[in-house]
Amino acid sequence: LFSLLVVVGGLAVFAYLLWASWHGEIVAAVAELARYGVGGRNLRVFRSSADREANLLQQILAPALRSRNPERRKEAIEALENLASVTTHLKHLLLIRDLRRIVT
């Protein structure tokens, strides 16, 4: 885990990231959000939400993910990826629904 200071248009934004190959995408998303005035306090909301979702999916699949059977673990990882995709889509649909309420 490391913290990264991103400066966009004179606005400093801290991002806390795990070092991974996709960290550049996270930095790019943080920078894009900063252009709209989304600061560190707001970013914590996104981080907390992602943490809660990850914990929920882990709880759902925990027994299979801890299995000693390699095939069962493989199936659990595939299910985890699928659940992540479905929950992301659901979250997007709910967000669009709520945003439509705001503008109508």
PDB file of N, CA and C in Angstrom:
ATOM      1  N   LEU A   1       0.859  -1.175   0.000  1.00  0.00           N
ATOM      2  CA  LEU A   1       0.000   0.000   0.000  1.00  0.00           C
ATOM      3  C   LEU A   1       0.899   1.230   0.000  1.00  0.00           C
ATOM      4  N   PHE A   2       0.541   2.183  -0.824  1.00  0.00           N
ATOM      5  CA  PHE A   2       1.290   3.431  -0.818  1.00  0.00           C
ATOM      6  C   PHE A   2       0.343   4.572  -1.109  1.00  0.00           C
ATOM      7  N   SER A   3       0.745   5.758  -0.724  1.00  0.00           N
ATOM      8  CA  SER A   3      -0.079   6.917  -1.035  1.00  0.00           C
ATOM      9  C   SER A   3       0.570   7.655  -2.187  1.00  0.00           C
ATOM     10  N   LEU A   4      -0.247   8.243  -2.984  1.00  0.00           N
ATOM     11  CA  LEU A   4       0.222   8.951  -4.163  1.00  0.00           C
ATOM     12  C   LEU A   4      -0.457  10.306  -4.184  1.00  0.00           C
ATOM     13  N   LEU A   5       0.328  11.329  -4.413  1.00  0.00           N
ATOM     14  CA  LEU A   5      -0.213  12.678  -4.526  1.00  0.00           C
ATOM     15  C   LEU A   5      -0.368  12.985  -6.002  1.00  0.00           C
ATOM     16  N   VAL A   6      -1.594  13.251  -6.405  1.00  0.00           N
ATOM     17  CA  VAL A   6      -1.877  13.602  -7.796  1.00  0.00           C
ATOM     18  C   VAL A   6      -2.260  15.072  -7.820  1.00  0.00           C
ATOM     19  N   VAL A   7      -1.635  15.846  -8.672  1.00  0.00           N
ATOM     20  CA  VAL A   7      -1.960  17.261  -8.792  1.00  0.00           C
ATOM     21  C   VAL A   7      -2.606  17.483 -10.151  1.00  0.00           C
ATOM     22  N   VAL A   8      -3.829  17.978 -10.130  1.00  0.00           N
ATOM     23  CA  VAL A   8      -4.563  18.235 -11.359  1.00  0.00           C
ATOM     24  C   VAL A   8      -5.107  19.646 -11.280  1.00  0.00           C
ATOM     25  N   GLY A   9      -4.678  20.482 -12.194  1.00  0.00           N
ATOM     26  CA  GLY A   9      -5.172  21.857 -12.225  1.00  0.00           C
ATOM     27  C   GLY A   9      -4.962  22.589 -10.910  1.00  0.00           C
ATOM     28  N   GLY A  10      -3.841  22.346 -10.261  1.00  0.00           N
ATOM     29  CA  GLY A  10      -3.542  23.003  -9.002  1.00  0.00           C
ATOM     30  C   GLY A  10      -4.189  22.364  -7.793  1.00  0.00           C
ATOM     31  N   LEU A  11      -4.983  21.303  -7.998  1.00  0.00           N
ATOM     32  CA  LEU A  11      -5.655  20.625  -6.900  1.00  0.00           C
ATOM     33  C   LEU A  11      -4.884  19.354  -6.557  1.00  0.00           C
ATOM     34  N   ALA A  12      -4.461  19.252  -5.323  1.00  0.00           N
ATOM     35  CA  ALA A  12      -3.726  18.066  -4.879  1.00  0.00           C
ATOM     36  C   ALA A  12      -4.717  17.034  -4.356  1.00  0.00           C
ATOM     37  N   VAL A  13      -4.597  15.819  -4.832  1.00  0.00           N
ATOM     38  CA  VAL A  13      -5.477  14.728  -4.429  1.00  0.00           C
ATOM     39  C   VAL A  13      -4.609  13.557  -4.006  1.00  0.00           C
ATOM     40  N   PHE A  14      -4.869  13.012  -2.819  1.00  0.00           N
ATOM     41  CA  PHE A  14      -4.155  11.830  -2.371  1.00  0.00           C
ATOM     42  C   PHE A  14      -4.930  10.590  -2.778  1.00  0.00           C
ATOM     43  N   ALA A  15      -4.232   9.619  -3.301  1.00  0.00           N
ATOM     44  CA  ALA A  15      -4.843   8.334  -3.629  1.00  0.00           C
ATOM     45  C   ALA A  15      -4.033   7.255  -2.926  1.00  0.00           C
ATOM     46  N   TYR A  16      -4.710   6.365  -2.260  1.00  0.00           N
ATOM     47  CA  TYR A  16      -4.057   5.247  -1.594  1.00  0.00           C
ATOM     48  C   TYR A  16      -4.267   4.012  -2.454  1.00  0.00           C
ATOM     49  N   LEU A  17      -3.169   3.429  -2.889  1.00  0.00           N
ATOM     50  CA  LEU A  17      -3.245   2.367  -3.883  1.00  0.00           C
ATOM     51  C   LEU A  17      -2.435   1.149  -3.477  1.00  0.00           C
ATOM     52  N   LEU A  18      -2.878  -0.002  -3.909  1.00  0.00           N
ATOM     53  CA  LEU A  18      -2.060  -1.196  -3.862  1.00  0.00           C
ATOM     54  C   LEU A  18      -1.208  -1.186  -5.116  1.00  0.00           C
ATOM     55  N   TRP A  19       0.046  -1.540  -4.989  1.00  0.00           N
ATOM     56  CA  TRP A  19       0.918  -1.567  -6.153  1.00  0.00           C
ATOM     57  C   TRP A  19       0.510  -2.745  -7.026  1.00  0.00           C
ATOM     58  N   ALA A  20       0.016  -2.474  -8.186  1.00  0.00           N
ATOM     59  CA  ALA A  20      -0.416  -3.511  -9.114  1.00  0.00           C
ATOM     60  C   ALA A  20      -0.337  -2.941 -10.514  1.00  0.00           C
ATOM     61  N   SER A  21      -0.502  -3.809 -11.482  1.00  0.00           N
ATOM     62  CA  SER A  21      -0.388  -3.374 -12.871  1.00  0.00           C
ATOM     63  C   SER A  21      -1.478  -2.380 -13.257  1.00  0.00           C
ATOM     64  N   TRP A  22      -2.598  -2.384 -12.564  1.00  0.00           N
ATOM     65  CA  TRP A  22      -3.707  -1.509 -12.925  1.00  0.00           C
ATOM     66  C   TRP A  22      -3.706  -0.197 -12.138  1.00  0.00           C
ATOM     67  N   HIS A  23      -2.672   0.071 -11.361  1.00  0.00           N
ATOM     68  CA  HIS A  23      -2.682   1.296 -10.557  1.00  0.00           C
ATOM     69  C   HIS A  23      -2.733   2.556 -11.413  1.00  0.00           C
ATOM     70  N   GLY A  24      -2.191   2.496 -12.592  1.00  0.00           N
ATOM     71  CA  GLY A  24      -2.243   3.655 -13.491  1.00  0.00           C
ATOM     72  C   GLY A  24      -3.665   4.023 -13.869  1.00  0.00           C
ATOM     73  N   GLU A  25      -4.522   3.029 -14.017  1.00  0.00           N
ATOM     74  CA  GLU A  25      -5.929   3.295 -14.334  1.00  0.00           C
ATOM     75  C   GLU A  25      -6.625   3.994 -13.172  1.00  0.00           C
ATOM     76  N   ILE A  26      -6.266   3.604 -11.957  1.00  0.00           N
ATOM     77  CA  ILE A  26      -6.853   4.245 -10.776  1.00  0.00           C
ATOM     78  C   ILE A  26      -6.403   5.696 -10.705  1.00  0.00           C
ATOM     79  N   VAL A  27      -5.130   5.926 -10.939  1.00  0.00           N
ATOM     80  CA  VAL A  27      -4.607   7.305 -10.919  1.00  0.00           C
ATOM     81  C   VAL A  27      -5.303   8.141 -11.985  1.00  0.00           C
ATOM     82  N   ALA A  28      -5.509   7.572 -13.162  1.00  0.00           N
ATOM     83  CA  ALA A  28      -6.184   8.305 -14.237  1.00  0.00           C
ATOM     84  C   ALA A  28      -7.623   8.641 -13.847  1.00  0.00           C
ATOM     85  N   ALA A  29      -8.318   7.694 -13.213  1.00  0.00           N
ATOM     86  CA  ALA A  29      -9.691   7.954 -12.780  1.00  0.00           C
ATOM     87  C   ALA A  29      -9.730   9.029 -11.702  1.00  0.00           C
ATOM     88  N   VAL A  30      -8.788   8.978 -10.752  1.00  0.00           N
ATOM     89  CA  VAL A  30      -8.702   9.997  -9.701  1.00  0.00           C
ATOM     90  C   VAL A  30      -8.444  11.366 -10.320  1.00  0.00           C
ATOM     91  N   ALA A  31      -7.547  11.407 -11.294  1.00  0.00           N
ATOM     92  CA  ALA A  31      -7.238  12.676 -11.962  1.00  0.00           C
ATOM     93  C   ALA A  31      -8.468  13.218 -12.692  1.00  0.00           C
ATOM     94  N   GLU A  32      -9.207  12.354 -13.346  1.00  0.00           N
ATOM     95  CA  GLU A  32     -10.423  12.779 -14.051  1.00  0.00           C
ATOM     96  C   GLU A  32     -11.457  13.324 -13.064  1.00  0.00           C
ATOM     97  N   LEU A  33     -11.633  12.634 -11.960  1.00  0.00           N
ATOM     98  CA  LEU A  33     -12.570  13.103 -10.945  1.00  0.00           C
ATOM     99  C   LEU A  33     -12.125  14.439 -10.359  1.00  0.00           C
ATOM    100  N   ALA A  34     -10.828  14.617 -10.185  1.00  0.00           N
ATOM    101  CA  ALA A  34     -10.301  15.869  -9.642  1.00  0.00           C
ATOM    102  C   ALA A  34     -10.630  17.047 -10.549  1.00  0.00           C
ATOM    103  N   ARG A  35     -10.685  16.793 -11.839  1.00  0.00           N
ATOM    104  CA  ARG A  35     -11.048  17.870 -12.787  1.00  0.00           C
ATOM    105  C   ARG A  35     -12.462  18.388 -12.535  1.00  0.00           C
ATOM    106  N   TYR A  36     -13.299  17.545 -11.933  1.00  0.00           N
ATOM    107  CA  TYR A  36     -14.672  17.940 -11.609  1.00  0.00           C
ATOM    108  C   TYR A  36     -14.803  18.409 -10.164  1.00  0.00           C
ATOM    109  N   GLY A  37     -13.667  18.550  -9.494  1.00  0.00           N
ATOM    110  CA  GLY A  37     -13.696  19.039  -8.125  1.00  0.00           C
ATOM    111  C   GLY A  37     -13.871  17.970  -7.070  1.00  0.00           C
ATOM    112  N   VAL A  38     -13.752  16.716  -7.452  1.00  0.00           N
ATOM    113  CA  VAL A  38     -13.870  15.619  -6.481  1.00  0.00           C
ATOM    114  C   VAL A  38     -12.546  15.510  -5.745  1.00  0.00           C
ATOM    115  N   GLY A  39     -12.578  15.755  -4.446  1.00  0.00           N
ATOM    116  CA  GLY A  39     -11.359  15.747  -3.646  1.00  0.00           C
ATOM    117  C   GLY A  39     -11.208  14.504  -2.805  1.00  0.00           C
ATOM    118  N   GLY A  40     -10.221  14.524  -1.946  1.00  0.00           N
ATOM    119  CA  GLY A  40      -9.886  13.367  -1.119  1.00  0.00           C
ATOM    120  C   GLY A  40     -11.027  12.859  -0.266  1.00  0.00           C
ATOM    121  N   ARG A  41     -11.774  13.756   0.344  1.00  0.00           N
ATOM    122  CA  ARG A  41     -12.904  13.344   1.182  1.00  0.00           C
ATOM    123  C   ARG A  41     -13.925  12.568   0.345  1.00  0.00           C
ATOM    124  N   ASN A  42     -14.172  13.046  -0.865  1.00  0.00           N
ATOM    125  CA  ASN A  42     -15.111  12.368  -1.754  1.00  0.00           C
ATOM    126  C   ASN A  42     -14.573  11.025  -2.223  1.00  0.00           C
ATOM    127  N   LEU A  43     -13.270  10.951  -2.449  1.00  0.00           N
ATOM    128  CA  LEU A  43     -12.671   9.701  -2.910  1.00  0.00           C
ATOM    129  C   LEU A  43     -12.802   8.597  -1.874  1.00  0.00           C
ATOM    130  N   ARG A  44     -12.800   8.967  -0.590  1.00  0.00           N
ATOM    131  CA  ARG A  44     -12.972   7.973   0.464  1.00  0.00           C
ATOM    132  C   ARG A  44     -14.316   7.261   0.348  1.00  0.00           C
ATOM    133  N   VAL A  45     -15.331   7.961  -0.141  1.00  0.00           N
ATOM    134  CA  VAL A  45     -16.644   7.349  -0.335  1.00  0.00           C
ATOM    135  C   VAL A  45     -16.537   6.229  -1.363  1.00  0.00           C
ATOM    136  N   PHE A  46     -15.828   6.491  -2.462  1.00  0.00           N
ATOM    137  CA  PHE A  46     -15.654   5.467  -3.495  1.00  0.00           C
ATOM    138  C   PHE A  46     -14.856   4.281  -2.956  1.00  0.00           C
ATOM    139  N   ARG A  47     -13.808   4.587  -2.210  1.00  0.00           N
ATOM    140  CA  ARG A  47     -12.961   3.527  -1.648  1.00  0.00           C
ATOM    141  C   ARG A  47     -13.747   2.670  -0.667  1.00  0.00           C
ATOM    142  N   SER A  48     -14.515   3.308   0.207  1.00  0.00           N
ATOM    143  CA  SER A  48     -15.322   2.571   1.187  1.00  0.00           C
ATOM    144  C   SER A  48     -16.357   1.700   0.505  1.00  0.00           C
ATOM    145  N   SER A  49     -16.971   2.238  -0.523  1.00  0.00           N
ATOM    146  CA  SER A  49     -17.966   1.479  -1.277  1.00  0.00           C
ATOM    147  C   SER A  49     -17.339   0.251  -1.916  1.00  0.00           C
ATOM    148  N   ALA A  50     -16.189   0.428  -2.535  1.00  0.00           N
ATOM    149  CA  ALA A  50     -15.498  -0.700  -3.169  1.00  0.00           C
ATOM    150  C   ALA A  50     -15.080  -1.734  -2.122  1.00  0.00           C
ATOM    151  N   ASP A  51     -14.605  -1.273  -0.986  1.00  0.00           N
ATOM    152  CA  ASP A  51     -14.219  -2.198   0.092  1.00  0.00           C
ATOM    153  C   ASP A  51     -15.410  -3.010   0.576  1.00  0.00           C
ATOM    154  N   ARG A  52     -16.559  -2.347   0.753  1.00  0.00           N
ATOM    155  CA  ARG A  52     -17.768  -3.053   1.215  1.00  0.00           C
ATOM    156  C   ARG A  52     -18.223  -4.086   0.192  1.00  0.00           C
ATOM    157  N   GLU A  53     -18.190  -3.718  -1.081  1.00  0.00           N
ATOM    158  CA  GLU A  53     -18.591  -4.665  -2.123  1.00  0.00           C
ATOM    159  C   GLU A  53     -17.658  -5.863  -2.170  1.00  0.00           C
ATOM    160  N   ALA A  54     -16.361  -5.608  -2.091  1.00  0.00           N
ATOM    161  CA  ALA A  54     -15.383  -6.699  -2.119  1.00  0.00           C
ATOM    162  C   ALA A  54     -15.581  -7.624  -0.921  1.00  0.00           C
ATOM    163  N   ASN A  55     -15.824  -7.048   0.250  1.00  0.00           N
ATOM    164  CA  ASN A  55     -16.053  -7.863   1.445  1.00  0.00           C
ATOM    165  C   ASN A  55     -17.310  -8.707   1.323  1.00  0.00           C
ATOM    166  N   LEU A  56     -18.364  -8.129   0.751  1.00  0.00           N
ATOM    167  CA  LEU A  56     -19.600  -8.881   0.560  1.00  0.00           C
ATOM    168  C   LEU A  56     -19.374 -10.065  -0.374  1.00  0.00           C
ATOM    169  N   LEU A  57     -18.716  -9.824  -1.504  1.00  0.00           N
ATOM    170  CA  LEU A  57     -18.462 -10.913  -2.451  1.00  0.00           C
ATOM    171  C   LEU A  57     -17.554 -11.972  -1.840  1.00  0.00           C
ATOM    172  N   GLN A  58     -16.600 -11.546  -1.043  1.00  0.00           N
ATOM    173  CA  GLN A  58     -15.723 -12.497  -0.368  1.00  0.00           C
ATOM    174  C   GLN A  58     -16.524 -13.363   0.603  1.00  0.00           C
ATOM    175  N   GLN A  59     -17.445 -12.754   1.344  1.00  0.00           N
ATOM    176  CA  GLN A  59     -18.270 -13.519   2.273  1.00  0.00           C
ATOM    177  C   GLN A  59     -19.132 -14.538   1.552  1.00  0.00           C
ATOM    178  N   ILE A  60     -19.670 -14.133   0.404  1.00  0.00           N
ATOM    179  CA  ILE A  60     -20.529 -15.031  -0.364  1.00  0.00           C
ATOM    180  C   ILE A  60     -19.749 -16.262  -0.833  1.00  0.00           C
ATOM    181  N   LEU A  61     -18.518 -16.047  -1.264  1.00  0.00           N
ATOM    182  CA  LEU A  61     -17.733 -17.130  -1.859  1.00  0.00           C
ATOM    183  C   LEU A  61     -16.623 -17.666  -0.950  1.00  0.00           C
ATOM    184  N   ALA A  62     -16.573 -17.218   0.297  1.00  0.00           N
ATOM    185  CA  ALA A  62     -15.470 -17.588   1.189  1.00  0.00           C
ATOM    186  C   ALA A  62     -15.224 -19.090   1.285  1.00  0.00           C
ATOM    187  N   PRO A  63     -16.238 -19.913   1.503  1.00  0.00           N
ATOM    188  CA  PRO A  63     -15.954 -21.351   1.632  1.00  0.00           C
ATOM    189  C   PRO A  63     -15.274 -21.935   0.390  1.00  0.00           C
ATOM    190  N   ALA A  64     -15.755 -21.559  -0.764  1.00  0.00           N
ATOM    191  CA  ALA A  64     -15.168 -22.087  -2.005  1.00  0.00           C
ATOM    192  C   ALA A  64     -13.779 -21.518  -2.257  1.00  0.00           C
ATOM    193  N   LEU A  65     -13.574 -20.246  -1.907  1.00  0.00           N
ATOM    194  CA  LEU A  65     -12.256 -19.632  -2.104  1.00  0.00           C
ATOM    195  C   LEU A  65     -11.201 -20.245  -1.186  1.00  0.00           C
ATOM    196  N   ARG A  66     -11.626 -20.752  -0.029  1.00  0.00           N
ATOM    197  CA  ARG A  66     -10.694 -21.387   0.915  1.00  0.00           C
ATOM    198  C   ARG A  66     -10.552 -22.888   0.696  1.00  0.00           C
ATOM    199  N   SER A  67     -11.292 -23.417  -0.230  1.00  0.00           N
ATOM    200  CA  SER A  67     -11.291 -24.863  -0.469  1.00  0.00           C
ATOM    201  C   SER A  67      -9.893 -25.364  -0.832  1.00  0.00           C
ATOM    202  N   ARG A  68      -9.602 -26.568  -0.402  1.00  0.00           N
ATOM    203  CA  ARG A  68      -8.330 -27.209  -0.770  1.00  0.00           C
ATOM    204  C   ARG A  68      -8.408 -27.833  -2.167  1.00  0.00           C
ATOM    205  N   ASN A  69      -9.620 -27.953  -2.664  1.00  0.00           N
ATOM    206  CA  ASN A  69      -9.824 -28.526  -3.997  1.00  0.00           C
ATOM    207  C   ASN A  69      -9.520 -27.456  -5.049  1.00  0.00           C
ATOM    208  N   PRO A  70      -8.482 -27.649  -5.861  1.00  0.00           N
ATOM    209  CA  PRO A  70      -8.103 -26.631  -6.855  1.00  0.00           C
ATOM    210  C   PRO A  70      -9.222 -26.306  -7.843  1.00  0.00           C
ATOM    211  N   GLU A  71      -9.998 -27.314  -8.218  1.00  0.00           N
ATOM    212  CA  GLU A  71     -11.090 -27.073  -9.170  1.00  0.00           C
ATOM    213  C   GLU A  71     -12.167 -26.194  -8.536  1.00  0.00           C
ATOM    214  N   ARG A  72     -12.477 -26.454  -7.279  1.00  0.00           N
ATOM    215  CA  ARG A  72     -13.482 -25.642  -6.587  1.00  0.00           C
ATOM    216  C   ARG A  72     -12.993 -24.208  -6.425  1.00  0.00           C
ATOM    217  N   ARG A  73     -11.717 -24.022  -6.096  1.00  0.00           N
ATOM    218  CA  ARG A  73     -11.164 -22.668  -5.983  1.00  0.00           C
ATOM    219  C   ARG A  73     -11.201 -21.955  -7.324  1.00  0.00           C
ATOM    220  N   LYS A  74     -10.860 -22.682  -8.395  1.00  0.00           N
ATOM    221  CA  LYS A  74     -10.895 -22.089  -9.733  1.00  0.00           C
ATOM    222  C   LYS A  74     -12.313 -21.634 -10.076  1.00  0.00           C
ATOM    223  N   GLU A  75     -13.296 -22.469  -9.776  1.00  0.00           N
ATOM    224  CA  GLU A  75     -14.691 -22.107 -10.033  1.00  0.00           C
ATOM    225  C   GLU A  75     -15.107 -20.897  -9.192  1.00  0.00           C
ATOM    226  N   ALA A  76     -14.612 -20.834  -7.958  1.00  0.00           N
ATOM    227  CA  ALA A  76     -14.936 -19.708  -7.087  1.00  0.00           C
ATOM    228  C   ALA A  76     -14.349 -18.415  -7.628  1.00  0.00           C
ATOM    229  N   ILE A  77     -13.138 -18.475  -8.155  1.00  0.00           N
ATOM    230  CA  ILE A  77     -12.514 -17.281  -8.734  1.00  0.00           C
ATOM    231  C   ILE A  77     -13.289 -16.824  -9.960  1.00  0.00           C
ATOM    232  N   GLU A  78     -13.718 -17.766 -10.783  1.00  0.00           N
ATOM    233  CA  GLU A  78     -14.533 -17.408 -11.948  1.00  0.00           C
ATOM    234  C   GLU A  78     -15.861 -16.803 -11.501  1.00  0.00           C
ATOM    235  N   ALA A  79     -16.465 -17.387 -10.467  1.00  0.00           N
ATOM    236  CA  ALA A  79     -17.725 -16.859  -9.947  1.00  0.00           C
ATOM    237  C   ALA A  79     -17.515 -15.457  -9.374  1.00  0.00           C
ATOM    238  N   LEU A  80     -16.375 -15.251  -8.710  1.00  0.00           N
ATOM    239  CA  LEU A  80     -16.059 -13.939  -8.152  1.00  0.00           C
ATOM    240  C   LEU A  80     -15.965 -12.895  -9.253  1.00  0.00           C
ATOM    241  N   GLU A  81     -15.292 -13.237 -10.340  1.00  0.00           N
ATOM    242  CA  GLU A  81     -15.187 -12.310 -11.471  1.00  0.00           C
ATOM    243  C   GLU A  81     -16.559 -12.011 -12.061  1.00  0.00           C
ATOM    244  N   ASN A  82     -17.393 -13.042 -12.189  1.00  0.00           N
ATOM    245  CA  ASN A  82     -18.735 -12.848 -12.731  1.00  0.00           C
ATOM    246  C   ASN A  82     -19.587 -11.994 -11.790  1.00  0.00           C
ATOM    247  N   LEU A  83     -19.535 -12.294 -10.492  1.00  0.00           N
ATOM    248  CA  LEU A  83     -20.282 -11.492  -9.529  1.00  0.00           C
ATOM    249  C   LEU A  83     -19.830 -10.043  -9.529  1.00  0.00           C
ATOM    250  N   ALA A  84     -18.539  -9.822  -9.650  1.00  0.00           N
ATOM    251  CA  ALA A  84     -18.023  -8.453  -9.702  1.00  0.00           C
ATOM    252  C   ALA A  84     -18.594  -7.720 -10.910  1.00  0.00           C
ATOM    253  N   SER A  85     -18.654  -8.401 -12.030  1.00  0.00           N
ATOM    254  CA  SER A  85     -19.203  -7.790 -13.242  1.00  0.00           C
ATOM    255  C   SER A  85     -20.691  -7.483 -13.077  1.00  0.00           C
ATOM    256  N   VAL A  86     -21.441  -8.435 -12.548  1.00  0.00           N
ATOM    257  CA  VAL A  86     -22.886  -8.244 -12.378  1.00  0.00           C
ATOM    258  C   VAL A  86     -23.171  -7.137 -11.372  1.00  0.00           C
ATOM    259  N   THR A  87     -22.433  -7.115 -10.265  1.00  0.00           N
ATOM    260  CA  THR A  87     -22.675  -6.072  -9.267  1.00  0.00           C
ATOM    261  C   THR A  87     -22.286  -4.692  -9.792  1.00  0.00           C
ATOM    262  N   THR A  88     -21.239  -4.621 -10.601  1.00  0.00           N
ATOM    263  CA  THR A  88     -20.853  -3.347 -11.217  1.00  0.00           C
ATOM    264  C   THR A  88     -21.958  -2.857 -12.147  1.00  0.00           C
ATOM    265  N   HIS A  89     -22.520  -3.761 -12.924  1.00  0.00           N
ATOM    266  CA  HIS A  89     -23.606  -3.396 -13.835  1.00  0.00           C
ATOM    267  C   HIS A  89     -24.839  -2.940 -13.046  1.00  0.00           C
ATOM    268  N   LEU A  90     -25.178  -3.672 -11.987  1.00  0.00           N
ATOM    269  CA  LEU A  90     -26.317  -3.291 -11.163  1.00  0.00           C
ATOM    270  C   LEU A  90     -26.104  -1.912 -10.542  1.00  0.00           C
ATOM    271  N   LYS A  91     -24.914  -1.673 -10.014  1.00  0.00           N
ATOM    272  CA  LYS A  91     -24.612  -0.375  -9.407  1.00  0.00           C
ATOM    273  C   LYS A  91     -24.748   0.737 -10.440  1.00  0.00           C
ATOM    274  N   HIS A  92     -24.280   0.490 -11.657  1.00  0.00           N
ATOM    275  CA  HIS A  92     -24.400   1.472 -12.737  1.00  0.00           C
ATOM    276  C   HIS A  92     -25.872   1.764 -13.037  1.00  0.00           C
ATOM    277  N   LEU A  93     -26.683   0.712 -13.152  1.00  0.00           N
ATOM    278  CA  LEU A  93     -28.103   0.899 -13.438  1.00  0.00           C
ATOM    279  C   LEU A  93     -28.805   1.685 -12.331  1.00  0.00           C
ATOM    280  N   LEU A  94     -28.484   1.378 -11.074  1.00  0.00           N
ATOM    281  CA  LEU A  94     -29.088   2.101  -9.954  1.00  0.00           C
ATOM    282  C   LEU A  94     -28.654   3.556  -9.938  1.00  0.00           C
ATOM    283  N   LEU A  95     -27.399   3.813 -10.264  1.00  0.00           N
ATOM    284  CA  LEU A  95     -26.901   5.188 -10.326  1.00  0.00           C
ATOM    285  C   LEU A  95     -27.617   5.971 -11.424  1.00  0.00           C
ATOM    286  N   ILE A  96     -27.748   5.377 -12.599  1.00  0.00           N
ATOM    287  CA  ILE A  96     -28.454   6.040 -13.710  1.00  0.00           C
ATOM    288  C   ILE A  96     -29.895   6.333 -13.310  1.00  0.00           C
ATOM    289  N   ARG A  97     -30.555   5.360 -12.671  1.00  0.00           N
ATOM    290  CA  ARG A  97     -31.932   5.569 -12.213  1.00  0.00           C
ATOM    291  C   ARG A  97     -32.014   6.773 -11.278  1.00  0.00           C
ATOM    292  N   ASP A  98     -31.103   6.833 -10.309  1.00  0.00           N
ATOM    293  CA  ASP A  98     -31.130   7.927  -9.344  1.00  0.00           C
ATOM    294  C   ASP A  98     -30.785   9.267  -9.981  1.00  0.00           C
ATOM    295  N   LEU A  99     -29.847   9.274 -10.916  1.00  0.00           N
ATOM    296  CA  LEU A  99     -29.497  10.526 -11.601  1.00  0.00           C
ATOM    297  C   LEU A  99     -30.639  11.030 -12.470  1.00  0.00           C
ATOM    298  N   ARG A 100     -31.394  10.130 -13.063  1.00  0.00           N
ATOM    299  CA  ARG A 100     -32.555  10.541 -13.863  1.00  0.00           C
ATOM    300  C   ARG A 100     -33.605  11.226 -12.996  1.00  0.00           C
ATOM    301  N   ARG A 101     -33.716  10.778 -11.755  1.00  0.00           N
ATOM    302  CA  ARG A 101     -34.664  11.419 -10.819  1.00  0.00           C
ATOM    303  C   ARG A 101     -34.247  12.862 -10.549  1.00  0.00           C
ATOM    304  N   ILE A 102     -32.954  13.101 -10.517  1.00  0.00           N
ATOM    305  CA  ILE A 102     -32.451  14.442 -10.220  1.00  0.00           C
ATOM    306  C   ILE A 102     -32.766  15.415 -11.347  1.00  0.00           C
ATOM    307  N   VAL A 103     -32.625  14.972 -12.580  1.00  0.00           N
ATOM    308  CA  VAL A 103     -32.763  15.892 -13.719  1.00  0.00           C
ATOM    309  C   VAL A 103     -34.185  15.958 -14.272  1.00  0.00           C
ATOM    310  N   THR A 104     -35.094  15.157 -13.739  1.00  0.00           N
ATOM    311  CA  THR A 104     -36.472  15.234 -14.241  1.00  0.00           C
ATOM    312  C   THR A 104     -37.382  15.875 -13.243  1.00  0.00           C
TER     313      THR A 104
END
